[in-house]
Amino acid sequence: MNRTDLTFFLMGKKYGFDLKKMVDFTMQSQYWSADEIHKYQLEKLQKMIHHAYAKVPYYTKLMREMGMEPGDFKAIDDLAAFPILRKETIQANPESFLASDWKRY
């Protein structure tokens, strides 16, 4: 293990993530085509929407009221179906925006 790898390993341990993996991903993805970037972004968005639907009460309720399911999101532009989130909405019920698997410290 060289000094750089050791540094990444130790920083990852300190901050709780795999820094080397992140650097390797960045080194690889910097050469992606626009289509590859778009595909990656869509996959991450779909994963986030699935998580929000399954774990965040506000988004579970909102999507059910709209008659939507996570699988309905086939393109990044589909995100426009969500209404704009206003500060007042969050202030009225902040707990509904916390994921059920969120760890409180």
PDB file of N, CA and C in Angstrom:
ATOM      1  N   MET A   1       0.862  -1.176   0.000  1.00  0.00           N
ATOM      2  CA  MET A   1       0.000   0.000   0.000  1.00  0.00           C
ATOM      3  C   MET A   1       0.903   1.232   0.000  1.00  0.00           C
ATOM      4  N   ASN A   2       0.687   2.107  -0.996  1.00  0.00           N
ATOM      5  CA  ASN A   2       1.512   3.310  -1.056  1.00  0.00           C
ATOM      6  C   ASN A   2       0.945   4.398  -0.137  1.00  0.00           C
ATOM      7  N   ARG A   3       1.648   5.488  -0.054  1.00  0.00           N
ATOM      8  CA  ARG A   3       1.277   6.551   0.874  1.00  0.00           C
ATOM      9  C   ARG A   3      -0.093   7.156   0.547  1.00  0.00           C
ATOM     10  N   THR A   4      -0.380   7.323  -0.741  1.00  0.00           N
ATOM     11  CA  THR A   4      -1.674   7.879  -1.140  1.00  0.00           C
ATOM     12  C   THR A   4      -2.810   6.961  -0.721  1.00  0.00           C
ATOM     13  N   ASP A   5      -2.660   5.659  -0.993  1.00  0.00           N
ATOM     14  CA  ASP A   5      -3.688   4.697  -0.600  1.00  0.00           C
ATOM     15  C   ASP A   5      -3.890   4.700   0.910  1.00  0.00           C
ATOM     16  N   LEU A   6      -2.803   4.772   1.644  1.00  0.00           N
ATOM     17  CA  LEU A   6      -2.887   4.797   3.102  1.00  0.00           C
ATOM     18  C   LEU A   6      -3.620   6.056   3.580  1.00  0.00           C
ATOM     19  N   THR A   7      -3.308   7.190   2.957  1.00  0.00           N
ATOM     20  CA  THR A   7      -3.977   8.444   3.314  1.00  0.00           C
ATOM     21  C   THR A   7      -5.476   8.351   3.059  1.00  0.00           C
ATOM     22  N   PHE A   8      -5.845   7.836   1.875  1.00  0.00           N
ATOM     23  CA  PHE A   8      -7.268   7.675   1.551  1.00  0.00           C
ATOM     24  C   PHE A   8      -7.945   6.731   2.536  1.00  0.00           C
ATOM     25  N   PHE A   9      -7.273   5.653   2.880  1.00  0.00           N
ATOM     26  CA  PHE A   9      -7.832   4.677   3.814  1.00  0.00           C
ATOM     27  C   PHE A   9      -8.078   5.320   5.180  1.00  0.00           C
ATOM     28  N   LEU A  10      -7.085   6.032   5.692  1.00  0.00           N
ATOM     29  CA  LEU A  10      -7.209   6.648   7.012  1.00  0.00           C
ATOM     30  C   LEU A  10      -8.266   7.754   7.032  1.00  0.00           C
ATOM     31  N   MET A  11      -8.317   8.555   5.974  1.00  0.00           N
ATOM     32  CA  MET A  11      -9.341   9.604   5.914  1.00  0.00           C
ATOM     33  C   MET A  11     -10.732   8.985   5.836  1.00  0.00           C
ATOM     34  N   GLY A  12     -10.843   7.897   5.089  1.00  0.00           N
ATOM     35  CA  GLY A  12     -12.122   7.200   5.000  1.00  0.00           C
ATOM     36  C   GLY A  12     -12.562   6.664   6.341  1.00  0.00           C
ATOM     37  N   LYS A  13     -11.624   6.108   7.098  1.00  0.00           N
ATOM     38  CA  LYS A  13     -11.946   5.603   8.436  1.00  0.00           C
ATOM     39  C   LYS A  13     -12.377   6.746   9.352  1.00  0.00           C
ATOM     40  N   LYS A  14     -11.684   7.866   9.249  1.00  0.00           N
ATOM     41  CA  LYS A  14     -11.994   9.002  10.111  1.00  0.00           C
ATOM     42  C   LYS A  14     -13.379   9.573   9.812  1.00  0.00           C
ATOM     43  N   TYR A  15     -13.711   9.704   8.524  1.00  0.00           N
ATOM     44  CA  TYR A  15     -14.954  10.368   8.138  1.00  0.00           C
ATOM     45  C   TYR A  15     -16.084   9.405   7.781  1.00  0.00           C
ATOM     46  N   GLY A  16     -15.818   8.107   7.803  1.00  0.00           N
ATOM     47  CA  GLY A  16     -16.882   7.127   7.632  1.00  0.00           C
ATOM     48  C   GLY A  16     -17.289   6.812   6.206  1.00  0.00           C
ATOM     49  N   PHE A  17     -16.390   6.960   5.257  1.00  0.00           N
ATOM     50  CA  PHE A  17     -16.709   6.572   3.883  1.00  0.00           C
ATOM     51  C   PHE A  17     -15.432   6.108   3.188  1.00  0.00           C
ATOM     52  N   ASP A  18     -15.606   5.459   2.057  1.00  0.00           N
ATOM     53  CA  ASP A  18     -14.476   4.896   1.323  1.00  0.00           C
ATOM     54  C   ASP A  18     -13.954   5.934   0.334  1.00  0.00           C
ATOM     55  N   LEU A  19     -13.010   6.735   0.768  1.00  0.00           N
ATOM     56  CA  LEU A  19     -12.479   7.812  -0.051  1.00  0.00           C
ATOM     57  C   LEU A  19     -11.778   7.277  -1.295  1.00  0.00           C
ATOM     58  N   LYS A  20     -11.058   6.179  -1.170  1.00  0.00           N
ATOM     59  CA  LYS A  20     -10.365   5.607  -2.329  1.00  0.00           C
ATOM     60  C   LYS A  20     -11.367   5.205  -3.399  1.00  0.00           C
ATOM     61  N   LYS A  21     -12.456   4.619  -2.979  1.00  0.00           N
ATOM     62  CA  LYS A  21     -13.499   4.221  -3.931  1.00  0.00           C
ATOM     63  C   LYS A  21     -14.062   5.452  -4.643  1.00  0.00           C
ATOM     64  N   MET A  22     -14.250   6.536  -3.898  1.00  0.00           N
ATOM     65  CA  MET A  22     -14.764   7.769  -4.493  1.00  0.00           C
ATOM     66  C   MET A  22     -13.771   8.355  -5.499  1.00  0.00           C
ATOM     67  N   VAL A  23     -12.507   8.342  -5.158  1.00  0.00           N
ATOM     68  CA  VAL A  23     -11.481   8.866  -6.066  1.00  0.00           C
ATOM     69  C   VAL A  23     -11.405   8.001  -7.318  1.00  0.00           C
ATOM     70  N   ASP A  24     -11.419   6.681  -7.138  1.00  0.00           N
ATOM     71  CA  ASP A  24     -11.379   5.775  -8.290  1.00  0.00           C
ATOM     72  C   ASP A  24     -12.576   6.012  -9.207  1.00  0.00           C
ATOM     73  N   PHE A  25     -13.759   6.190  -8.615  1.00  0.00           N
ATOM     74  CA  PHE A  25     -14.962   6.461  -9.404  1.00  0.00           C
ATOM     75  C   PHE A  25     -14.803   7.767 -10.184  1.00  0.00           C
ATOM     76  N   THR A  26     -14.299   8.798  -9.534  1.00  0.00           N
ATOM     77  CA  THR A  26     -14.111  10.090 -10.192  1.00  0.00           C
ATOM     78  C   THR A  26     -13.117   9.981 -11.341  1.00  0.00           C
ATOM     79  N   MET A  27     -12.041   9.246 -11.118  1.00  0.00           N
ATOM     80  CA  MET A  27     -11.035   9.072 -12.169  1.00  0.00           C
ATOM     81  C   MET A  27     -11.625   8.345 -13.381  1.00  0.00           C
ATOM     82  N   GLN A  28     -12.502   7.397 -13.125  1.00  0.00           N
ATOM     83  CA  GLN A  28     -13.122   6.642 -14.213  1.00  0.00           C
ATOM     84  C   GLN A  28     -14.221   7.462 -14.899  1.00  0.00           C
ATOM     85  N   SER A  29     -15.092   8.070 -14.128  1.00  0.00           N
ATOM     86  CA  SER A  29     -16.275   8.731 -14.688  1.00  0.00           C
ATOM     87  C   SER A  29     -15.959  10.048 -15.397  1.00  0.00           C
ATOM     88  N   GLN A  30     -14.799  10.606 -15.176  1.00  0.00           N
ATOM     89  CA  GLN A  30     -14.479  11.871 -15.840  1.00  0.00           C
ATOM     90  C   GLN A  30     -14.403  11.718 -17.357  1.00  0.00           C
ATOM     91  N   TYR A  31     -14.291  10.492 -17.836  1.00  0.00           N
ATOM     92  CA  TYR A  31     -14.197  10.240 -19.271  1.00  0.00           C
ATOM     93  C   TYR A  31     -15.508   9.735 -19.869  1.00  0.00           C
ATOM     94  N   TRP A  32     -16.575   9.718 -19.085  1.00  0.00           N
ATOM     95  CA  TRP A  32     -17.860   9.235 -19.579  1.00  0.00           C
ATOM     96  C   TRP A  32     -18.431  10.172 -20.643  1.00  0.00           C
ATOM     97  N   SER A  33     -19.192   9.577 -21.537  1.00  0.00           N
ATOM     98  CA  SER A  33     -19.914  10.368 -22.536  1.00  0.00           C
ATOM     99  C   SER A  33     -21.132  11.011 -21.867  1.00  0.00           C
ATOM    100  N   ALA A  34     -21.758  11.928 -22.570  1.00  0.00           N
ATOM    101  CA  ALA A  34     -22.962  12.574 -22.037  1.00  0.00           C
ATOM    102  C   ALA A  34     -24.055  11.539 -21.775  1.00  0.00           C
ATOM    103  N   ASP A  35     -24.173  10.540 -22.642  1.00  0.00           N
ATOM    104  CA  ASP A  35     -25.183   9.491 -22.445  1.00  0.00           C
ATOM    105  C   ASP A  35     -24.899   8.668 -21.194  1.00  0.00           C
ATOM    106  N   GLU A  36     -23.641   8.358 -20.946  1.00  0.00           N
ATOM    107  CA  GLU A  36     -23.277   7.594 -19.745  1.00  0.00           C
ATOM    108  C   GLU A  36     -23.562   8.404 -18.479  1.00  0.00           C
ATOM    109  N   ILE A  37     -23.276   9.685 -18.513  1.00  0.00           N
ATOM    110  CA  ILE A  37     -23.555  10.557 -17.362  1.00  0.00           C
ATOM    111  C   ILE A  37     -25.057  10.625 -17.117  1.00  0.00           C
ATOM    112  N   HIS A  38     -25.827  10.798 -18.185  1.00  0.00           N
ATOM    113  CA  HIS A  38     -27.284  10.867 -18.062  1.00  0.00           C
ATOM    114  C   HIS A  38     -27.834   9.566 -17.490  1.00  0.00           C
ATOM    115  N   LYS A  39     -27.342   8.441 -17.960  1.00  0.00           N
ATOM    116  CA  LYS A  39     -27.795   7.138 -17.455  1.00  0.00           C
ATOM    117  C   LYS A  39     -27.484   7.004 -15.963  1.00  0.00           C
ATOM    118  N   TYR A  40     -26.289   7.397 -15.562  1.00  0.00           N
ATOM    119  CA  TYR A  40     -25.891   7.335 -14.154  1.00  0.00           C
ATOM    120  C   TYR A  40     -26.788   8.238 -13.298  1.00  0.00           C
ATOM    121  N   GLN A  41     -27.023   9.460 -13.772  1.00  0.00           N
ATOM    122  CA  GLN A  41     -27.869  10.399 -13.030  1.00  0.00           C
ATOM    123  C   GLN A  41     -29.285   9.849 -12.873  1.00  0.00           C
ATOM    124  N   LEU A  42     -29.829   9.254 -13.928  1.00  0.00           N
ATOM    125  CA  LEU A  42     -31.177   8.695 -13.867  1.00  0.00           C
ATOM    126  C   LEU A  42     -31.243   7.535 -12.880  1.00  0.00           C
ATOM    127  N   GLU A  43     -30.225   6.675 -12.881  1.00  0.00           N
ATOM    128  CA  GLU A  43     -30.192   5.559 -11.927  1.00  0.00           C
ATOM    129  C   GLU A  43     -30.179   6.072 -10.488  1.00  0.00           C
ATOM    130  N   LYS A  44     -29.374   7.089 -10.216  1.00  0.00           N
ATOM    131  CA  LYS A  44     -29.297   7.657  -8.864  1.00  0.00           C
ATOM    132  C   LYS A  44     -30.615   8.331  -8.475  1.00  0.00           C
ATOM    133  N   LEU A  45     -31.242   9.037  -9.416  1.00  0.00           N
ATOM    134  CA  LEU A  45     -32.526   9.680  -9.146  1.00  0.00           C
ATOM    135  C   LEU A  45     -33.591   8.635  -8.836  1.00  0.00           C
ATOM    136  N   GLN A  46     -33.638   7.567  -9.625  1.00  0.00           N
ATOM    137  CA  GLN A  46     -34.626   6.514  -9.387  1.00  0.00           C
ATOM    138  C   GLN A  46     -34.411   5.858  -8.027  1.00  0.00           C
ATOM    139  N   LYS A  47     -33.173   5.650  -7.664  1.00  0.00           N
ATOM    140  CA  LYS A  47     -32.869   5.069  -6.353  1.00  0.00           C
ATOM    141  C   LYS A  47     -33.334   6.008  -5.231  1.00  0.00           C
ATOM    142  N   MET A  48     -33.097   7.304  -5.401  1.00  0.00           N
ATOM    143  CA  MET A  48     -33.503   8.282  -4.396  1.00  0.00           C
ATOM    144  C   MET A  48     -35.029   8.349  -4.281  1.00  0.00           C
ATOM    145  N   ILE A  49     -35.727   8.290  -5.406  1.00  0.00           N
ATOM    146  CA  ILE A  49     -37.187   8.342  -5.385  1.00  0.00           C
ATOM    147  C   ILE A  49     -37.757   7.092  -4.723  1.00  0.00           C
ATOM    148  N   HIS A  50     -37.179   5.938  -5.007  1.00  0.00           N
ATOM    149  CA  HIS A  50     -37.616   4.705  -4.333  1.00  0.00           C
ATOM    150  C   HIS A  50     -37.427   4.833  -2.823  1.00  0.00           C
ATOM    151  N   HIS A  51     -36.280   5.355  -2.412  1.00  0.00           N
ATOM    152  CA  HIS A  51     -36.010   5.538  -0.984  1.00  0.00           C
ATOM    153  C   HIS A  51     -37.019   6.512  -0.362  1.00  0.00           C
ATOM    154  N   ALA A  52     -37.234   7.642  -1.022  1.00  0.00           N
ATOM    155  CA  ALA A  52     -38.165   8.644  -0.487  1.00  0.00           C
ATOM    156  C   ALA A  52     -39.571   8.066  -0.359  1.00  0.00           C
ATOM    157  N   TYR A  53     -40.004   7.304  -1.339  1.00  0.00           N
ATOM    158  CA  TYR A  53     -41.347   6.720  -1.304  1.00  0.00           C
ATOM    159  C   TYR A  53     -41.467   5.703  -0.173  1.00  0.00           C
ATOM    160  N   ALA A  54     -40.434   4.907   0.014  1.00  0.00           N
ATOM    161  CA  ALA A  54     -40.473   3.838   1.015  1.00  0.00           C
ATOM    162  C   ALA A  54     -40.230   4.333   2.437  1.00  0.00           C
ATOM    163  N   LYS A  55     -39.467   5.409   2.607  1.00  0.00           N
ATOM    164  CA  LYS A  55     -38.993   5.779   3.943  1.00  0.00           C
ATOM    165  C   LYS A  55     -39.377   7.170   4.439  1.00  0.00           C
ATOM    166  N   VAL A  56     -39.772   8.075   3.556  1.00  0.00           N
ATOM    167  CA  VAL A  56     -40.041   9.461   3.968  1.00  0.00           C
ATOM    168  C   VAL A  56     -41.550   9.714   3.907  1.00  0.00           C
ATOM    169  N   PRO A  57     -42.197   9.861   5.064  1.00  0.00           N
ATOM    170  CA  PRO A  57     -43.659   9.988   5.098  1.00  0.00           C
ATOM    171  C   PRO A  57     -44.233  11.066   4.171  1.00  0.00           C
ATOM    172  N   TYR A  58     -43.596  12.211   4.106  1.00  0.00           N
ATOM    173  CA  TYR A  58     -44.117  13.286   3.251  1.00  0.00           C
ATOM    174  C   TYR A  58     -44.204  12.831   1.801  1.00  0.00           C
ATOM    175  N   TYR A  59     -43.139  12.224   1.296  1.00  0.00           N
ATOM    176  CA  TYR A  59     -43.121  11.821  -0.110  1.00  0.00           C
ATOM    177  C   TYR A  59     -43.981  10.588  -0.368  1.00  0.00           C
ATOM    178  N   THR A  60     -44.113   9.715   0.613  1.00  0.00           N
ATOM    179  CA  THR A  60     -45.029   8.582   0.472  1.00  0.00           C
ATOM    180  C   THR A  60     -46.449   9.107   0.270  1.00  0.00           C
ATOM    181  N   LYS A  61     -46.863  10.021   1.144  1.00  0.00           N
ATOM    182  CA  LYS A  61     -48.214  10.593   1.072  1.00  0.00           C
ATOM    183  C   LYS A  61     -48.406  11.386  -0.218  1.00  0.00           C
ATOM    184  N   LEU A  62     -47.441  12.223  -0.548  1.00  0.00           N
ATOM    185  CA  LEU A  62     -47.539  13.059  -1.746  1.00  0.00           C
ATOM    186  C   LEU A  62     -47.688  12.205  -2.999  1.00  0.00           C
ATOM    187  N   MET A  63     -46.856  11.196  -3.130  1.00  0.00           N
ATOM    188  CA  MET A  63     -46.906  10.372  -4.336  1.00  0.00           C
ATOM    189  C   MET A  63     -48.201   9.566  -4.408  1.00  0.00           C
ATOM    190  N   ARG A  64     -48.682   9.098  -3.280  1.00  0.00           N
ATOM    191  CA  ARG A  64     -49.964   8.371  -3.278  1.00  0.00           C
ATOM    192  C   ARG A  64     -51.109   9.301  -3.680  1.00  0.00           C
ATOM    193  N   GLU A  65     -51.103  10.526  -3.144  1.00  0.00           N
ATOM    194  CA  GLU A  65     -52.142  11.498  -3.504  1.00  0.00           C
ATOM    195  C   GLU A  65     -52.093  11.848  -4.987  1.00  0.00           C
ATOM    196  N   MET A  66     -50.907  11.847  -5.562  1.00  0.00           N
ATOM    197  CA  MET A  66     -50.734  12.161  -6.977  1.00  0.00           C
ATOM    198  C   MET A  66     -50.974  10.935  -7.862  1.00  0.00           C
ATOM    199  N   GLY A  67     -51.169   9.776  -7.233  1.00  0.00           N
ATOM    200  CA  GLY A  67     -51.373   8.548  -7.996  1.00  0.00           C
ATOM    201  C   GLY A  67     -50.108   8.069  -8.685  1.00  0.00           C
ATOM    202  N   MET A  68     -48.975   8.334  -8.052  1.00  0.00           N
ATOM    203  CA  MET A  68     -47.681   7.976  -8.639  1.00  0.00           C
ATOM    204  C   MET A  68     -46.991   6.915  -7.802  1.00  0.00           C
ATOM    205  N   GLU A  69     -46.145   6.164  -8.469  1.00  0.00           N
ATOM    206  CA  GLU A  69     -45.283   5.196  -7.806  1.00  0.00           C
ATOM    207  C   GLU A  69     -43.859   5.439  -8.282  1.00  0.00           C
ATOM    208  N   PRO A  70     -42.874   4.970  -7.528  1.00  0.00           N
ATOM    209  CA  PRO A  70     -41.487   5.200  -7.929  1.00  0.00           C
ATOM    210  C   PRO A  70     -41.172   4.718  -9.345  1.00  0.00           C
ATOM    211  N   GLY A  71     -41.791   3.636  -9.765  1.00  0.00           N
ATOM    212  CA  GLY A  71     -41.533   3.104 -11.101  1.00  0.00           C
ATOM    213  C   GLY A  71     -42.027   3.985 -12.231  1.00  0.00           C
ATOM    214  N   ASP A  72     -42.832   4.992 -11.903  1.00  0.00           N
ATOM    215  CA  ASP A  72     -43.344   5.903 -12.925  1.00  0.00           C
ATOM    216  C   ASP A  72     -42.274   6.869 -13.432  1.00  0.00           C
ATOM    217  N   PHE A  73     -41.184   6.996 -12.718  1.00  0.00           N
ATOM    218  CA  PHE A  73     -40.120   7.924 -13.099  1.00  0.00           C
ATOM    219  C   PHE A  73     -39.169   7.231 -14.069  1.00  0.00           C
ATOM    220  N   LYS A  74     -39.321   7.565 -15.342  1.00  0.00           N
ATOM    221  CA  LYS A  74     -38.514   6.942 -16.396  1.00  0.00           C
ATOM    222  C   LYS A  74     -37.469   7.900 -16.968  1.00  0.00           C
ATOM    223  N   ALA A  75     -37.609   9.185 -16.652  1.00  0.00           N
ATOM    224  CA  ALA A  75     -36.683  10.189 -17.176  1.00  0.00           C
ATOM    225  C   ALA A  75     -36.476  11.268 -16.115  1.00  0.00           C
ATOM    226  N   ILE A  76     -35.365  11.952 -16.209  1.00  0.00           N
ATOM    227  CA  ILE A  76     -35.062  13.015 -15.249  1.00  0.00           C
ATOM    228  C   ILE A  76     -36.132  14.107 -15.306  1.00  0.00           C
ATOM    229  N   ASP A  77     -36.669  14.365 -16.486  1.00  0.00           N
ATOM    230  CA  ASP A  77     -37.709  15.388 -16.641  1.00  0.00           C
ATOM    231  C   ASP A  77     -38.981  15.051 -15.867  1.00  0.00           C
ATOM    232  N   ASP A  78     -39.194  13.781 -15.537  1.00  0.00           N
ATOM    233  CA  ASP A  78     -40.381  13.381 -14.771  1.00  0.00           C
ATOM    234  C   ASP A  78     -40.381  13.989 -13.369  1.00  0.00           C
ATOM    235  N   LEU A  79     -39.236  14.436 -12.910  1.00  0.00           N
ATOM    236  CA  LEU A  79     -39.138  15.067 -11.598  1.00  0.00           C
ATOM    237  C   LEU A  79     -39.977  16.349 -11.537  1.00  0.00           C
ATOM    238  N   ALA A  80     -40.248  16.933 -12.684  1.00  0.00           N
ATOM    239  CA  ALA A  80     -41.058  18.157 -12.743  1.00  0.00           C
ATOM    240  C   ALA A  80     -42.494  17.917 -12.275  1.00  0.00           C
ATOM    241  N   ALA A  81     -42.909  16.666 -12.164  1.00  0.00           N
ATOM    242  CA  ALA A  81     -44.256  16.349 -11.678  1.00  0.00           C
ATOM    243  C   ALA A  81     -44.425  16.717 -10.206  1.00  0.00           C
ATOM    244  N   PHE A  82     -43.321  16.748  -9.467  1.00  0.00           N
ATOM    245  CA  PHE A  82     -43.395  17.118  -8.056  1.00  0.00           C
ATOM    246  C   PHE A  82     -43.637  18.616  -7.928  1.00  0.00           C
ATOM    247  N   PRO A  83     -44.503  19.001  -6.988  1.00  0.00           N
ATOM    248  CA  PRO A  83     -44.683  20.438  -6.758  1.00  0.00           C
ATOM    249  C   PRO A  83     -43.429  21.024  -6.095  1.00  0.00           C
ATOM    250  N   ILE A  84     -43.283  22.313  -6.232  1.00  0.00           N
ATOM    251  CA  ILE A  84     -42.155  22.990  -5.594  1.00  0.00           C
ATOM    252  C   ILE A  84     -42.344  22.923  -4.082  1.00  0.00           C
ATOM    253  N   LEU A  85     -41.316  22.528  -3.387  1.00  0.00           N
ATOM    254  CA  LEU A  85     -41.368  22.404  -1.930  1.00  0.00           C
ATOM    255  C   LEU A  85     -41.116  23.775  -1.306  1.00  0.00           C
ATOM    256  N   ARG A  86     -42.043  24.205  -0.499  1.00  0.00           N
ATOM    257  CA  ARG A  86     -41.953  25.519   0.137  1.00  0.00           C
ATOM    258  C   ARG A  86     -41.507  25.386   1.594  1.00  0.00           C
ATOM    259  N   LYS A  87     -40.863  26.430   2.058  1.00  0.00           N
ATOM    260  CA  LYS A  87     -40.379  26.457   3.437  1.00  0.00           C
ATOM    261  C   LYS A  87     -41.518  26.232   4.429  1.00  0.00           C
ATOM    262  N   GLU A  88     -42.661  26.805   4.164  1.00  0.00           N
ATOM    263  CA  GLU A  88     -43.806  26.687   5.062  1.00  0.00           C
ATOM    264  C   GLU A  88     -44.270  25.232   5.199  1.00  0.00           C
ATOM    265  N   THR A  89     -44.160  24.482   4.118  1.00  0.00           N
ATOM    266  CA  THR A  89     -44.551  23.069   4.149  1.00  0.00           C
ATOM    267  C   THR A  89     -43.649  22.296   5.100  1.00  0.00           C
ATOM    268  N   ILE A  90     -42.372  22.568   5.032  1.00  0.00           N
ATOM    269  CA  ILE A  90     -41.414  21.887   5.912  1.00  0.00           C
ATOM    270  C   ILE A  90     -41.629  22.326   7.358  1.00  0.00           C
ATOM    271  N   GLN A  91     -41.817  23.617   7.574  1.00  0.00           N
ATOM    272  CA  GLN A  91     -41.996  24.134   8.931  1.00  0.00           C
ATOM    273  C   GLN A  91     -43.268  23.604   9.584  1.00  0.00           C
ATOM    274  N   ALA A  92     -44.294  23.324   8.785  1.00  0.00           N
ATOM    275  CA  ALA A  92     -45.562  22.847   9.329  1.00  0.00           C
ATOM    276  C   ALA A  92     -45.449  21.437   9.910  1.00  0.00           C
ATOM    277  N   ASN A  93     -44.577  20.627   9.363  1.00  0.00           N
ATOM    278  CA  ASN A  93     -44.444  19.252   9.837  1.00  0.00           C
ATOM    279  C   ASN A  93     -43.052  18.704   9.506  1.00  0.00           C
ATOM    280  N   PRO A  94     -42.028  19.203  10.176  1.00  0.00           N
ATOM    281  CA  PRO A  94     -40.661  18.794   9.830  1.00  0.00           C
ATOM    282  C   PRO A  94     -40.392  17.302  10.012  1.00  0.00           C
ATOM    283  N   GLU A  95     -41.067  16.669  10.946  1.00  0.00           N
ATOM    284  CA  GLU A  95     -40.824  15.240  11.192  1.00  0.00           C
ATOM    285  C   GLU A  95     -41.207  14.381   9.990  1.00  0.00           C
ATOM    286  N   SER A  96     -42.154  14.840   9.188  1.00  0.00           N
ATOM    287  CA  SER A  96     -42.595  14.039   8.044  1.00  0.00           C
ATOM    288  C   SER A  96     -41.552  13.998   6.930  1.00  0.00           C
ATOM    289  N   PHE A  97     -40.514  14.806   7.052  1.00  0.00           N
ATOM    290  CA  PHE A  97     -39.450  14.817   6.053  1.00  0.00           C
ATOM    291  C   PHE A  97     -38.258  13.948   6.450  1.00  0.00           C
ATOM    292  N   LEU A  98     -38.326  13.343   7.622  1.00  0.00           N
ATOM    293  CA  LEU A  98     -37.239  12.487   8.088  1.00  0.00           C
ATOM    294  C   LEU A  98     -37.496  11.053   7.660  1.00  0.00           C
ATOM    295  N   ALA A  99     -36.487  10.427   7.091  1.00  0.00           N
ATOM    296  CA  ALA A  99     -36.615   9.029   6.690  1.00  0.00           C
ATOM    297  C   ALA A  99     -36.777   8.155   7.925  1.00  0.00           C
ATOM    298  N   SER A 100     -37.586   7.127   7.796  1.00  0.00           N
ATOM    299  CA  SER A 100     -37.850   6.249   8.942  1.00  0.00           C
ATOM    300  C   SER A 100     -36.597   5.518   9.409  1.00  0.00           C
ATOM    301  N   ASP A 101     -35.619   5.371   8.527  1.00  0.00           N
ATOM    302  CA  ASP A 101     -34.378   4.698   8.922  1.00  0.00           C
ATOM    303  C   ASP A 101     -33.261   5.688   9.264  1.00  0.00           C
ATOM    304  N   TRP A 102     -33.619   6.960   9.434  1.00  0.00           N
ATOM    305  CA  TRP A 102     -32.638   7.979   9.795  1.00  0.00           C
ATOM    306  C   TRP A 102     -32.206   7.758  11.233  1.00  0.00           C
ATOM    307  N   LYS A 103     -30.905   7.777  11.450  1.00  0.00           N
ATOM    308  CA  LYS A 103     -30.377   7.543  12.800  1.00  0.00           C
ATOM    309  C   LYS A 103     -30.227   8.871  13.528  1.00  0.00           C
ATOM    310  N   ARG A 104     -30.822   8.944  14.694  1.00  0.00           N
ATOM    311  CA  ARG A 104     -30.693  10.144  15.523  1.00  0.00           C
ATOM    312  C   ARG A 104     -29.529   9.946  16.486  1.00  0.00           C
ATOM    313  N   TYR A 105     -28.747  10.981  16.647  1.00  0.00           N
ATOM    314  CA  TYR A 105     -27.596  10.886  17.546  1.00  0.00           C
ATOM    315  C   TYR A 105     -27.828  11.721  18.772  1.00  0.00           C
TER     316      TYR A 105
END
